Amino acid sequence: MAFTLTIIIILIGICYGFSKKGTEDYLHILLKGLKIGLVLGLILGLISFLLGGLSGGIESAISGGLIGGLTGSIVFIVIMGIVTVEFIIGVLIGDIIEKVLRK
């Protein structure tokens, strides 16, 4: 399943890189992806913390919600970073294909 998702992300990146004329700004794409991952990770971590607090008492909310929310946020940010790098690899391949075919 994870391999299939990687292939799909790279194919989307190839389509993006091929469809946009000229070379893309890879650093801009990387920073944009990491910012999105950071924001979504923090939002999901906050939601996890609040749901942990609502489902349990105060003691379990502090221990379970905080640990679960923080861990979930960190994991989500790392996953978004990996997905962004995979997308950039696809964009790079798409740019190469564009240069070869449009000469």
PDB file of N, CA and C in Angstrom:
ATOM      1  N   MET A   1       0.820  -1.197   0.000  1.00  0.00           N
ATOM      2  CA  MET A   1       0.000   0.000   0.000  1.00  0.00           C
ATOM      3  C   MET A   1       0.862   1.260   0.000  1.00  0.00           C
ATOM      4  N   ALA A   2       1.902   1.286   0.829  1.00  0.00           N
ATOM      5  CA  ALA A   2       2.757   2.467   0.906  1.00  0.00           C
ATOM      6  C   ALA A   2       3.525   2.661  -0.391  1.00  0.00           C
ATOM      7  N   PHE A   3       3.949   1.558  -1.017  1.00  0.00           N
ATOM      8  CA  PHE A   3       4.668   1.651  -2.286  1.00  0.00           C
ATOM      9  C   PHE A   3       3.757   2.216  -3.375  1.00  0.00           C
ATOM     10  N   THR A   4       2.500   1.789  -3.387  1.00  0.00           N
ATOM     11  CA  THR A   4       1.537   2.293  -4.363  1.00  0.00           C
ATOM     12  C   THR A   4       1.310   3.788  -4.171  1.00  0.00           C
ATOM     13  N   LEU A   5       1.200   4.227  -2.941  1.00  0.00           N
ATOM     14  CA  LEU A   5       1.025   5.647  -2.656  1.00  0.00           C
ATOM     15  C   LEU A   5       2.243   6.447  -3.110  1.00  0.00           C
ATOM     16  N   THR A   6       3.430   5.901  -2.907  1.00  0.00           N
ATOM     17  CA  THR A   6       4.651   6.569  -3.355  1.00  0.00           C
ATOM     18  C   THR A   6       4.653   6.729  -4.869  1.00  0.00           C
ATOM     19  N   ILE A   7       4.276   5.674  -5.576  1.00  0.00           N
ATOM     20  CA  ILE A   7       4.225   5.732  -7.038  1.00  0.00           C
ATOM     21  C   ILE A   7       3.207   6.778  -7.490  1.00  0.00           C
ATOM     22  N   ILE A   8       2.052   6.824  -6.849  1.00  0.00           N
ATOM     23  CA  ILE A   8       1.018   7.802  -7.216  1.00  0.00           C
ATOM     24  C   ILE A   8       1.521   9.232  -6.980  1.00  0.00           C
ATOM     25  N   ILE A   9       2.188   9.470  -5.859  1.00  0.00           N
ATOM     26  CA  ILE A   9       2.712  10.805  -5.552  1.00  0.00           C
ATOM     27  C   ILE A   9       3.768  11.211  -6.578  1.00  0.00           C
ATOM     28  N   ILE A  10       4.654  10.284  -6.940  1.00  0.00           N
ATOM     29  CA  ILE A  10       5.682  10.585  -7.929  1.00  0.00           C
ATOM     30  C   ILE A  10       5.048  10.855  -9.292  1.00  0.00           C
ATOM     31  N   LEU A  11       4.021  10.084  -9.666  1.00  0.00           N
ATOM     32  CA  LEU A  11       3.339  10.315 -10.945  1.00  0.00           C
ATOM     33  C   LEU A  11       2.645  11.684 -10.972  1.00  0.00           C
ATOM     34  N   ILE A  12       2.046  12.070  -9.864  1.00  0.00           N
ATOM     35  CA  ILE A  12       1.438  13.404  -9.785  1.00  0.00           C
ATOM     36  C   ILE A  12       2.521  14.474  -9.931  1.00  0.00           C
ATOM     37  N   GLY A  13       3.667  14.260  -9.297  1.00  0.00           N
ATOM     38  CA  GLY A  13       4.783  15.198  -9.432  1.00  0.00           C
ATOM     39  C   GLY A  13       5.295  15.274 -10.862  1.00  0.00           C
ATOM     40  N   ILE A  14       5.361  14.128 -11.559  1.00  0.00           N
ATOM     41  CA  ILE A  14       5.792  14.124 -12.959  1.00  0.00           C
ATOM     42  C   ILE A  14       4.816  14.926 -13.813  1.00  0.00           C
ATOM     43  N   CYS A  15       3.532  14.698 -13.603  1.00  0.00           N
ATOM     44  CA  CYS A  15       2.520  15.461 -14.355  1.00  0.00           C
ATOM     45  C   CYS A  15       2.636  16.957 -14.069  1.00  0.00           C
ATOM     46  N   TYR A  16       2.858  17.318 -12.818  1.00  0.00           N
ATOM     47  CA  TYR A  16       3.002  18.729 -12.452  1.00  0.00           C
ATOM     48  C   TYR A  16       4.242  19.332 -13.107  1.00  0.00           C
ATOM     49  N   GLY A  17       5.371  18.629 -13.020  1.00  0.00           N
ATOM     50  CA  GLY A  17       6.613  19.129 -13.600  1.00  0.00           C
ATOM     51  C   GLY A  17       6.554  19.227 -15.113  1.00  0.00           C
ATOM     52  N   PHE A  18       5.859  18.295 -15.765  1.00  0.00           N
ATOM     53  CA  PHE A  18       5.751  18.310 -17.222  1.00  0.00           C
ATOM     54  C   PHE A  18       4.780  19.377 -17.703  1.00  0.00           C
ATOM     55  N   SER A  19       3.709  19.595 -16.966  1.00  0.00           N
ATOM     56  CA  SER A  19       2.675  20.531 -17.421  1.00  0.00           C
ATOM     57  C   SER A  19       3.075  21.994 -17.228  1.00  0.00           C
ATOM     58  N   LYS A  20       3.880  22.291 -16.227  1.00  0.00           N
ATOM     59  CA  LYS A  20       4.315  23.673 -15.997  1.00  0.00           C
ATOM     60  C   LYS A  20       5.558  23.939 -16.837  1.00  0.00           C
ATOM     61  N   LYS A  21       5.524  24.993 -17.638  1.00  0.00           N
ATOM     62  CA  LYS A  21       6.658  25.307 -18.510  1.00  0.00           C
ATOM     63  C   LYS A  21       7.816  25.855 -17.689  1.00  0.00           C
ATOM     64  N   GLY A  22       9.013  25.460 -18.064  1.00  0.00           N
ATOM     65  CA  GLY A  22      10.219  25.922 -17.384  1.00  0.00           C
ATOM     66  C   GLY A  22      10.548  25.068 -16.175  1.00  0.00           C
ATOM     67  N   THR A  23      11.700  25.342 -15.608  1.00  0.00           N
ATOM     68  CA  THR A  23      12.159  24.601 -14.435  1.00  0.00           C
ATOM     69  C   THR A  23      11.464  25.149 -13.190  1.00  0.00           C
ATOM     70  N   GLU A  24      11.052  24.240 -12.331  1.00  0.00           N
ATOM     71  CA  GLU A  24      10.347  24.636 -11.105  1.00  0.00           C
ATOM     72  C   GLU A  24      11.350  25.026 -10.019  1.00  0.00           C
ATOM     73  N   ASP A  25      10.890  25.775  -9.053  1.00  0.00           N
ATOM     74  CA  ASP A  25      11.698  26.157  -7.897  1.00  0.00           C
ATOM     75  C   ASP A  25      11.514  25.083  -6.825  1.00  0.00           C
ATOM     76  N   TYR A  26      12.463  24.148  -6.763  1.00  0.00           N
ATOM     77  CA  TYR A  26      12.327  22.984  -5.876  1.00  0.00           C
ATOM     78  C   TYR A  26      12.363  23.385  -4.404  1.00  0.00           C
ATOM     79  N   LEU A  27      13.188  24.357  -4.059  1.00  0.00           N
ATOM     80  CA  LEU A  27      13.269  24.799  -2.665  1.00  0.00           C
ATOM     81  C   LEU A  27      11.943  25.408  -2.218  1.00  0.00           C
ATOM     82  N   HIS A  28      11.309  26.175  -3.101  1.00  0.00           N
ATOM     83  CA  HIS A  28      10.009  26.773  -2.775  1.00  0.00           C
ATOM     84  C   HIS A  28       8.953  25.686  -2.543  1.00  0.00           C
ATOM     85  N   ILE A  29       8.954  24.662  -3.405  1.00  0.00           N
ATOM     86  CA  ILE A  29       8.007  23.558  -3.248  1.00  0.00           C
ATOM     87  C   ILE A  29       8.273  22.825  -1.934  1.00  0.00           C
ATOM     88  N   LEU A  30       9.550  22.599  -1.596  1.00  0.00           N
ATOM     89  CA  LEU A  30       9.897  21.905  -0.356  1.00  0.00           C
ATOM     90  C   LEU A  30       9.447  22.710   0.860  1.00  0.00           C
ATOM     91  N   LEU A  31       9.738  23.998   0.878  1.00  0.00           N
ATOM     92  CA  LEU A  31       9.348  24.823   2.022  1.00  0.00           C
ATOM     93  C   LEU A  31       7.834  24.918   2.159  1.00  0.00           C
ATOM     94  N   LYS A  32       7.138  25.028   1.033  1.00  0.00           N
ATOM     95  CA  LYS A  32       5.682  25.095   1.069  1.00  0.00           C
ATOM     96  C   LYS A  32       5.099  23.790   1.633  1.00  0.00           C
ATOM     97  N   GLY A  33       5.638  22.657   1.192  1.00  0.00           N
ATOM     98  CA  GLY A  33       5.162  21.362   1.702  1.00  0.00           C
ATOM     99  C   GLY A  33       5.437  21.187   3.181  1.00  0.00           C
ATOM    100  N   LEU A  34       6.618  21.627   3.630  1.00  0.00           N
ATOM    101  CA  LEU A  34       6.942  21.510   5.052  1.00  0.00           C
ATOM    102  C   LEU A  34       6.079  22.429   5.908  1.00  0.00           C
ATOM    103  N   LYS A  35       5.765  23.619   5.389  1.00  0.00           N
ATOM    104  CA  LYS A  35       4.874  24.530   6.134  1.00  0.00           C
ATOM    105  C   LYS A  35       3.477  23.929   6.264  1.00  0.00           C
ATOM    106  N   ILE A  36       2.986  23.364   5.173  1.00  0.00           N
ATOM    107  CA  ILE A  36       1.662  22.731   5.218  1.00  0.00           C
ATOM    108  C   ILE A  36       1.680  21.563   6.197  1.00  0.00           C
ATOM    109  N   GLY A  37       2.747  20.767   6.160  1.00  0.00           N
ATOM    110  CA  GLY A  37       2.864  19.648   7.091  1.00  0.00           C
ATOM    111  C   GLY A  37       2.926  20.092   8.537  1.00  0.00           C
ATOM    112  N   LEU A  38       3.632  21.184   8.802  1.00  0.00           N
ATOM    113  CA  LEU A  38       3.727  21.700  10.161  1.00  0.00           C
ATOM    114  C   LEU A  38       2.379  22.185  10.668  1.00  0.00           C
ATOM    115  N   VAL A  39       1.682  22.938   9.842  1.00  0.00           N
ATOM    116  CA  VAL A  39       0.377  23.466  10.257  1.00  0.00           C
ATOM    117  C   VAL A  39      -0.620  22.327  10.472  1.00  0.00           C
ATOM    118  N   LEU A  40      -0.706  21.398   9.506  1.00  0.00           N
ATOM    119  CA  LEU A  40      -1.648  20.283   9.653  1.00  0.00           C
ATOM    120  C   LEU A  40      -1.277  19.387  10.835  1.00  0.00           C
ATOM    121  N   GLY A  41       0.021  19.177  11.045  1.00  0.00           N
ATOM    122  CA  GLY A  41       0.451  18.375  12.186  1.00  0.00           C
ATOM    123  C   GLY A  41       0.059  18.985  13.513  1.00  0.00           C
ATOM    124  N   LEU A  42       0.238  20.304  13.626  1.00  0.00           N
ATOM    125  CA  LEU A  42      -0.144  20.979  14.867  1.00  0.00           C
ATOM    126  C   LEU A  42      -1.657  20.968  15.074  1.00  0.00           C
ATOM    127  N   ILE A  43      -2.409  21.162  14.001  1.00  0.00           N
ATOM    128  CA  ILE A  43      -3.873  21.133  14.120  1.00  0.00           C
ATOM    129  C   ILE A  43      -4.352  19.743  14.531  1.00  0.00           C
ATOM    130  N   LEU A  44      -3.827  18.711  13.868  1.00  0.00           N
ATOM    131  CA  LEU A  44      -4.237  17.351  14.227  1.00  0.00           C
ATOM    132  C   LEU A  44      -3.779  16.968  15.630  1.00  0.00           C
ATOM    133  N   GLY A  45      -2.610  17.455  16.033  1.00  0.00           N
ATOM    134  CA  GLY A  45      -2.149  17.207  17.400  1.00  0.00           C
ATOM    135  C   GLY A  45      -3.044  17.873  18.430  1.00  0.00           C
ATOM    136  N   LEU A  46      -3.482  19.084  18.142  1.00  0.00           N
ATOM    137  CA  LEU A  46      -4.394  19.790  19.042  1.00  0.00           C
ATOM    138  C   LEU A  46      -5.738  19.077  19.122  1.00  0.00           C
ATOM    139  N   ILE A  47      -6.246  18.636  17.979  1.00  0.00           N
ATOM    140  CA  ILE A  47      -7.511  17.892  17.981  1.00  0.00           C
ATOM    141  C   ILE A  47      -7.363  16.597  18.779  1.00  0.00           C
ATOM    142  N   SER A  48      -6.238  15.910  18.598  1.00  0.00           N
ATOM    143  CA  SER A  48      -6.001  14.673  19.348  1.00  0.00           C
ATOM    144  C   SER A  48      -5.924  14.952  20.846  1.00  0.00           C
ATOM    145  N   PHE A  49      -5.289  16.048  21.220  1.00  0.00           N
ATOM    146  CA  PHE A  49      -5.202  16.417  22.630  1.00  0.00           C
ATOM    147  C   PHE A  49      -6.575  16.722  23.211  1.00  0.00           C
ATOM    148  N   LEU A  50      -7.386  17.454  22.452  1.00  0.00           N
ATOM    149  CA  LEU A  50      -8.724  17.797  22.941  1.00  0.00           C
ATOM    150  C   LEU A  50      -9.621  16.561  23.021  1.00  0.00           C
ATOM    151  N   LEU A  51      -9.560  15.694  22.031  1.00  0.00           N
ATOM    152  CA  LEU A  51     -10.370  14.478  22.076  1.00  0.00           C
ATOM    153  C   LEU A  51      -9.928  13.552  23.200  1.00  0.00           C
ATOM    154  N   GLY A  52      -8.630  13.518  23.463  1.00  0.00           N
ATOM    155  CA  GLY A  52      -8.138  12.726  24.594  1.00  0.00           C
ATOM    156  C   GLY A  52      -8.649  13.281  25.905  1.00  0.00           C
ATOM    157  N   GLY A  53      -8.774  14.602  25.975  1.00  0.00           N
ATOM    158  CA  GLY A  53      -9.285  15.234  27.189  1.00  0.00           C
ATOM    159  C   GLY A  53     -10.773  15.026  27.362  1.00  0.00           C
ATOM    160  N   LEU A  54     -11.521  15.002  26.258  1.00  0.00           N
ATOM    161  CA  LEU A  54     -12.967  14.809  26.357  1.00  0.00           C
ATOM    162  C   LEU A  54     -13.327  13.363  26.655  1.00  0.00           C
ATOM    163  N   SER A  55     -12.534  12.440  26.127  1.00  0.00           N
ATOM    164  CA  SER A  55     -12.881  11.029  26.322  1.00  0.00           C
ATOM    165  C   SER A  55     -12.492  10.526  27.706  1.00  0.00           C
ATOM    166  N   GLY A  56     -11.478  11.091  28.288  1.00  0.00           N
ATOM    167  CA  GLY A  56     -11.052  10.641  29.616  1.00  0.00           C
ATOM    168  C   GLY A  56     -11.181  11.748  30.629  1.00  0.00           C
ATOM    169  N   GLY A  57     -10.694  11.492  31.812  1.00  0.00           N
ATOM    170  CA  GLY A  57     -10.708  12.511  32.855  1.00  0.00           C
ATOM    171  C   GLY A  57      -9.540  13.459  32.684  1.00  0.00           C
ATOM    172  N   ILE A  58      -9.348  14.298  33.665  1.00  0.00           N
ATOM    173  CA  ILE A  58      -8.264  15.286  33.624  1.00  0.00           C
ATOM    174  C   ILE A  58      -6.901  14.594  33.625  1.00  0.00           C
ATOM    175  N   GLU A  59      -6.745  13.573  34.455  1.00  0.00           N
ATOM    176  CA  GLU A  59      -5.445  12.909  34.548  1.00  0.00           C
ATOM    177  C   GLU A  59      -5.080  12.196  33.262  1.00  0.00           C
ATOM    178  N   SER A  60      -6.043  11.483  32.700  1.00  0.00           N
ATOM    179  CA  SER A  60      -5.746  10.764  31.457  1.00  0.00           C
ATOM    180  C   SER A  60      -5.616  11.730  30.279  1.00  0.00           C
ATOM    181  N   ALA A  61      -6.291  12.874  30.361  1.00  0.00           N
ATOM    182  CA  ALA A  61      -6.182  13.867  29.284  1.00  0.00           C
ATOM    183  C   ALA A  61      -4.773  14.427  29.223  1.00  0.00           C
ATOM    184  N   ILE A  62      -4.208  14.708  30.385  1.00  0.00           N
ATOM    185  CA  ILE A  62      -2.865  15.279  30.413  1.00  0.00           C
ATOM    186  C   ILE A  62      -1.843  14.249  29.938  1.00  0.00           C
ATOM    187  N   SER A  63      -1.958  13.032  30.427  1.00  0.00           N
ATOM    188  CA  SER A  63      -0.965  12.029  30.038  1.00  0.00           C
ATOM    189  C   SER A  63      -1.227  11.489  28.636  1.00  0.00           C
ATOM    190  N   GLY A  64      -2.402  10.961  28.401  1.00  0.00           N
ATOM    191  CA  GLY A  64      -2.694  10.338  27.114  1.00  0.00           C
ATOM    192  C   GLY A  64      -2.859  11.326  25.985  1.00  0.00           C
ATOM    193  N   GLY A  65      -3.595  12.381  26.229  1.00  0.00           N
ATOM    194  CA  GLY A  65      -3.845  13.362  25.170  1.00  0.00           C
ATOM    195  C   GLY A  65      -2.604  14.113  24.759  1.00  0.00           C
ATOM    196  N   LEU A  66      -1.814  14.518  25.739  1.00  0.00           N
ATOM    197  CA  LEU A  66      -0.610  15.278  25.431  1.00  0.00           C
ATOM    198  C   LEU A  66       0.416  14.407  24.713  1.00  0.00           C
ATOM    199  N   ILE A  67       0.640  13.221  25.220  1.00  0.00           N
ATOM    200  CA  ILE A  67       1.620  12.327  24.587  1.00  0.00           C
ATOM    201  C   ILE A  67       1.139  11.891  23.208  1.00  0.00           C
ATOM    202  N   GLY A  68      -0.133  11.514  23.113  1.00  0.00           N
ATOM    203  CA  GLY A  68      -0.678  11.097  21.823  1.00  0.00           C
ATOM    204  C   GLY A  68      -0.706  12.228  20.811  1.00  0.00           C
ATOM    205  N   GLY A  69      -1.108  13.402  21.250  1.00  0.00           N
ATOM    206  CA  GLY A  69      -1.167  14.553  20.354  1.00  0.00           C
ATOM    207  C   GLY A  69       0.202  14.996  19.874  1.00  0.00           C
ATOM    208  N   LEU A  70       1.163  15.036  20.785  1.00  0.00           N
ATOM    209  CA  LEU A  70       2.520  15.444  20.419  1.00  0.00           C
ATOM    210  C   LEU A  70       3.160  14.426  19.487  1.00  0.00           C
ATOM    211  N   THR A  71       2.999  13.154  19.813  1.00  0.00           N
ATOM    212  CA  THR A  71       3.558  12.103  18.964  1.00  0.00           C
ATOM    213  C   THR A  71       2.901  12.115  17.589  1.00  0.00           C
ATOM    214  N   GLY A  72       1.597  12.260  17.554  1.00  0.00           N
ATOM    215  CA  GLY A  72       0.892  12.311  16.279  1.00  0.00           C
ATOM    216  C   GLY A  72       1.318  13.495  15.438  1.00  0.00           C
ATOM    217  N   SER A  73       1.541  14.637  16.066  1.00  0.00           N
ATOM    218  CA  SER A  73       1.983  15.830  15.337  1.00  0.00           C
ATOM    219  C   SER A  73       3.354  15.619  14.711  1.00  0.00           C
ATOM    220  N   ILE A  74       4.263  15.079  15.493  1.00  0.00           N
ATOM    221  CA  ILE A  74       5.624  14.850  14.996  1.00  0.00           C
ATOM    222  C   ILE A  74       5.618  13.843  13.853  1.00  0.00           C
ATOM    223  N   VAL A  75       4.882  12.758  14.029  1.00  0.00           N
ATOM    224  CA  VAL A  75       4.814  11.740  12.980  1.00  0.00           C
ATOM    225  C   VAL A  75       4.200  12.317  11.710  1.00  0.00           C
ATOM    226  N   PHE A  76       3.151  13.112  11.835  1.00  0.00           N
ATOM    227  CA  PHE A  76       2.497  13.692  10.668  1.00  0.00           C
ATOM    228  C   PHE A  76       3.424  14.662   9.944  1.00  0.00           C
ATOM    229  N   ILE A  77       4.186  15.457  10.680  1.00  0.00           N
ATOM    230  CA  ILE A  77       5.127  16.395  10.057  1.00  0.00           C
ATOM    231  C   ILE A  77       6.202  15.631   9.291  1.00  0.00           C
ATOM    232  N   VAL A  78       6.713  14.556   9.869  1.00  0.00           N
ATOM    233  CA  VAL A  78       7.722  13.739   9.187  1.00  0.00           C
ATOM    234  C   VAL A  78       7.137  13.113   7.925  1.00  0.00           C
ATOM    235  N   ILE A  79       5.930  12.591   8.011  1.00  0.00           N
ATOM    236  CA  ILE A  79       5.289  11.980   6.843  1.00  0.00           C
ATOM    237  C   ILE A  79       5.068  13.019   5.748  1.00  0.00           C
ATOM    238  N   MET A  80       4.632  14.222   6.101  1.00  0.00           N
ATOM    239  CA  MET A  80       4.439  15.275   5.098  1.00  0.00           C
ATOM    240  C   MET A  80       5.769  15.663   4.461  1.00  0.00           C
ATOM    241  N   GLY A  81       6.841  15.646   5.220  1.00  0.00           N
ATOM    242  CA  GLY A  81       8.165  15.917   4.651  1.00  0.00           C
ATOM    243  C   GLY A  81       8.564  14.861   3.638  1.00  0.00           C
ATOM    244  N   ILE A  82       8.301  13.605   3.958  1.00  0.00           N
ATOM    245  CA  ILE A  82       8.620  12.513   3.037  1.00  0.00           C
ATOM    246  C   ILE A  82       7.779  12.619   1.773  1.00  0.00           C
ATOM    247  N   VAL A  83       6.489  12.884   1.919  1.00  0.00           N
ATOM    248  CA  VAL A  83       5.605  13.028   0.751  1.00  0.00           C
ATOM    249  C   VAL A  83       6.057  14.207  -0.110  1.00  0.00           C
ATOM    250  N   THR A  84       6.477  15.299   0.515  1.00  0.00           N
ATOM    251  CA  THR A  84       6.941  16.464  -0.237  1.00  0.00           C
ATOM    252  C   THR A  84       8.195  16.137  -1.038  1.00  0.00           C
ATOM    253  N   VAL A  85       9.130  15.414  -0.436  1.00  0.00           N
ATOM    254  CA  VAL A  85      10.345  15.023  -1.150  1.00  0.00           C
ATOM    255  C   VAL A  85      10.006  14.095  -2.317  1.00  0.00           C
ATOM    256  N   GLU A  86       9.081  13.159  -2.115  1.00  0.00           N
ATOM    257  CA  GLU A  86       8.661  12.287  -3.206  1.00  0.00           C
ATOM    258  C   GLU A  86       8.040  13.105  -4.342  1.00  0.00           C
ATOM    259  N   PHE A  87       7.245  14.100  -4.012  1.00  0.00           N
ATOM    260  CA  PHE A  87       6.629  14.960  -5.016  1.00  0.00           C
ATOM    261  C   PHE A  87       7.700  15.731  -5.787  1.00  0.00           C
ATOM    262  N   ILE A  88       8.706  16.239  -5.078  1.00  0.00           N
ATOM    263  CA  ILE A  88       9.785  16.978  -5.731  1.00  0.00           C
ATOM    264  C   ILE A  88      10.564  16.071  -6.671  1.00  0.00           C
ATOM    265  N   ILE A  89      10.774  14.818  -6.298  1.00  0.00           N
ATOM    266  CA  ILE A  89      11.431  13.868  -7.191  1.00  0.00           C
ATOM    267  C   ILE A  89      10.618  13.709  -8.474  1.00  0.00           C
ATOM    268  N   GLY A  90       9.303  13.609  -8.342  1.00  0.00           N
ATOM    269  CA  GLY A  90       8.436  13.518  -9.513  1.00  0.00           C
ATOM    270  C   GLY A  90       8.497  14.773 -10.362  1.00  0.00           C
ATOM    271  N   VAL A  91       8.523  15.952  -9.733  1.00  0.00           N
ATOM    272  CA  VAL A  91       8.609  17.212 -10.473  1.00  0.00           C
ATOM    273  C   VAL A  91       9.930  17.288 -11.233  1.00  0.00           C
ATOM    274  N   LEU A  92      11.002  16.841 -10.603  1.00  0.00           N
ATOM    275  CA  LEU A  92      12.309  16.828 -11.259  1.00  0.00           C
ATOM    276  C   LEU A  92      12.286  15.925 -12.487  1.00  0.00           C
ATOM    277  N   ILE A  93      11.709  14.744 -12.364  1.00  0.00           N
ATOM    278  CA  ILE A  93      11.586  13.826 -13.494  1.00  0.00           C
ATOM    279  C   ILE A  93      10.715  14.455 -14.588  1.00  0.00           C
ATOM    280  N   GLY A  94       9.619  15.093 -14.210  1.00  0.00           N
ATOM    281  CA  GLY A  94       8.760  15.768 -15.177  1.00  0.00           C
ATOM    282  C   GLY A  94       9.479  16.888 -15.909  1.00  0.00           C
ATOM    283  N   ASP A  95      10.329  17.653 -15.196  1.00  0.00           N
ATOM    284  CA  ASP A  95      11.113  18.707 -15.841  1.00  0.00           C
ATOM    285  C   ASP A  95      12.101  18.120 -16.839  1.00  0.00           C
ATOM    286  N   ILE A  96      12.718  17.008 -16.491  1.00  0.00           N
ATOM    287  CA  ILE A  96      13.662  16.352 -17.399  1.00  0.00           C
ATOM    288  C   ILE A  96      12.931  15.867 -18.653  1.00  0.00           C
ATOM    289  N   ILE A  97      11.776  15.253 -18.468  1.00  0.00           N
ATOM    290  CA  ILE A  97      10.988  14.778 -19.618  1.00  0.00           C
ATOM    291  C   ILE A  97      10.579  15.964 -20.492  1.00  0.00           C
ATOM    292  N   GLU A  98      10.185  17.064 -19.856  1.00  0.00           N
ATOM    293  CA  GLU A  98       9.790  18.264 -20.621  1.00  0.00           C
ATOM    294  C   GLU A  98      10.954  18.782 -21.450  1.00  0.00           C
ATOM    295  N   LYS A  99      12.148  18.847 -20.872  1.00  0.00           N
ATOM    296  CA  LYS A  99      13.324  19.337 -21.604  1.00  0.00           C
ATOM    297  C   LYS A  99      13.653  18.433 -22.784  1.00  0.00           C
ATOM    298  N   VAL A 100      13.533  17.120 -22.599  1.00  0.00           N
ATOM    299  CA  VAL A 100      13.878  16.185 -23.667  1.00  0.00           C
ATOM    300  C   VAL A 100      12.843  16.242 -24.798  1.00  0.00           C
ATOM    301  N   LEU A 101      11.564  16.269 -24.464  1.00  0.00           N
ATOM    302  CA  LEU A 101      10.518  16.216 -25.487  1.00  0.00           C
ATOM    303  C   LEU A 101      10.286  17.543 -26.191  1.00  0.00           C
ATOM    304  N   ARG A 102      10.571  18.641 -25.567  1.00  0.00           N
ATOM    305  CA  ARG A 102      10.261  19.950 -26.157  1.00  0.00           C
ATOM    306  C   ARG A 102      11.468  20.604 -26.811  1.00  0.00           C
ATOM    307  N   LYS A 103      12.531  19.866 -27.054  1.00  0.00           N
ATOM    308  CA  LYS A 103      13.719  20.441 -27.715  1.00  0.00           C
ATOM    309  C   LYS A 103      13.500  20.573 -29.191  1.00  0.00           C
TER     310      LYS A 103
END
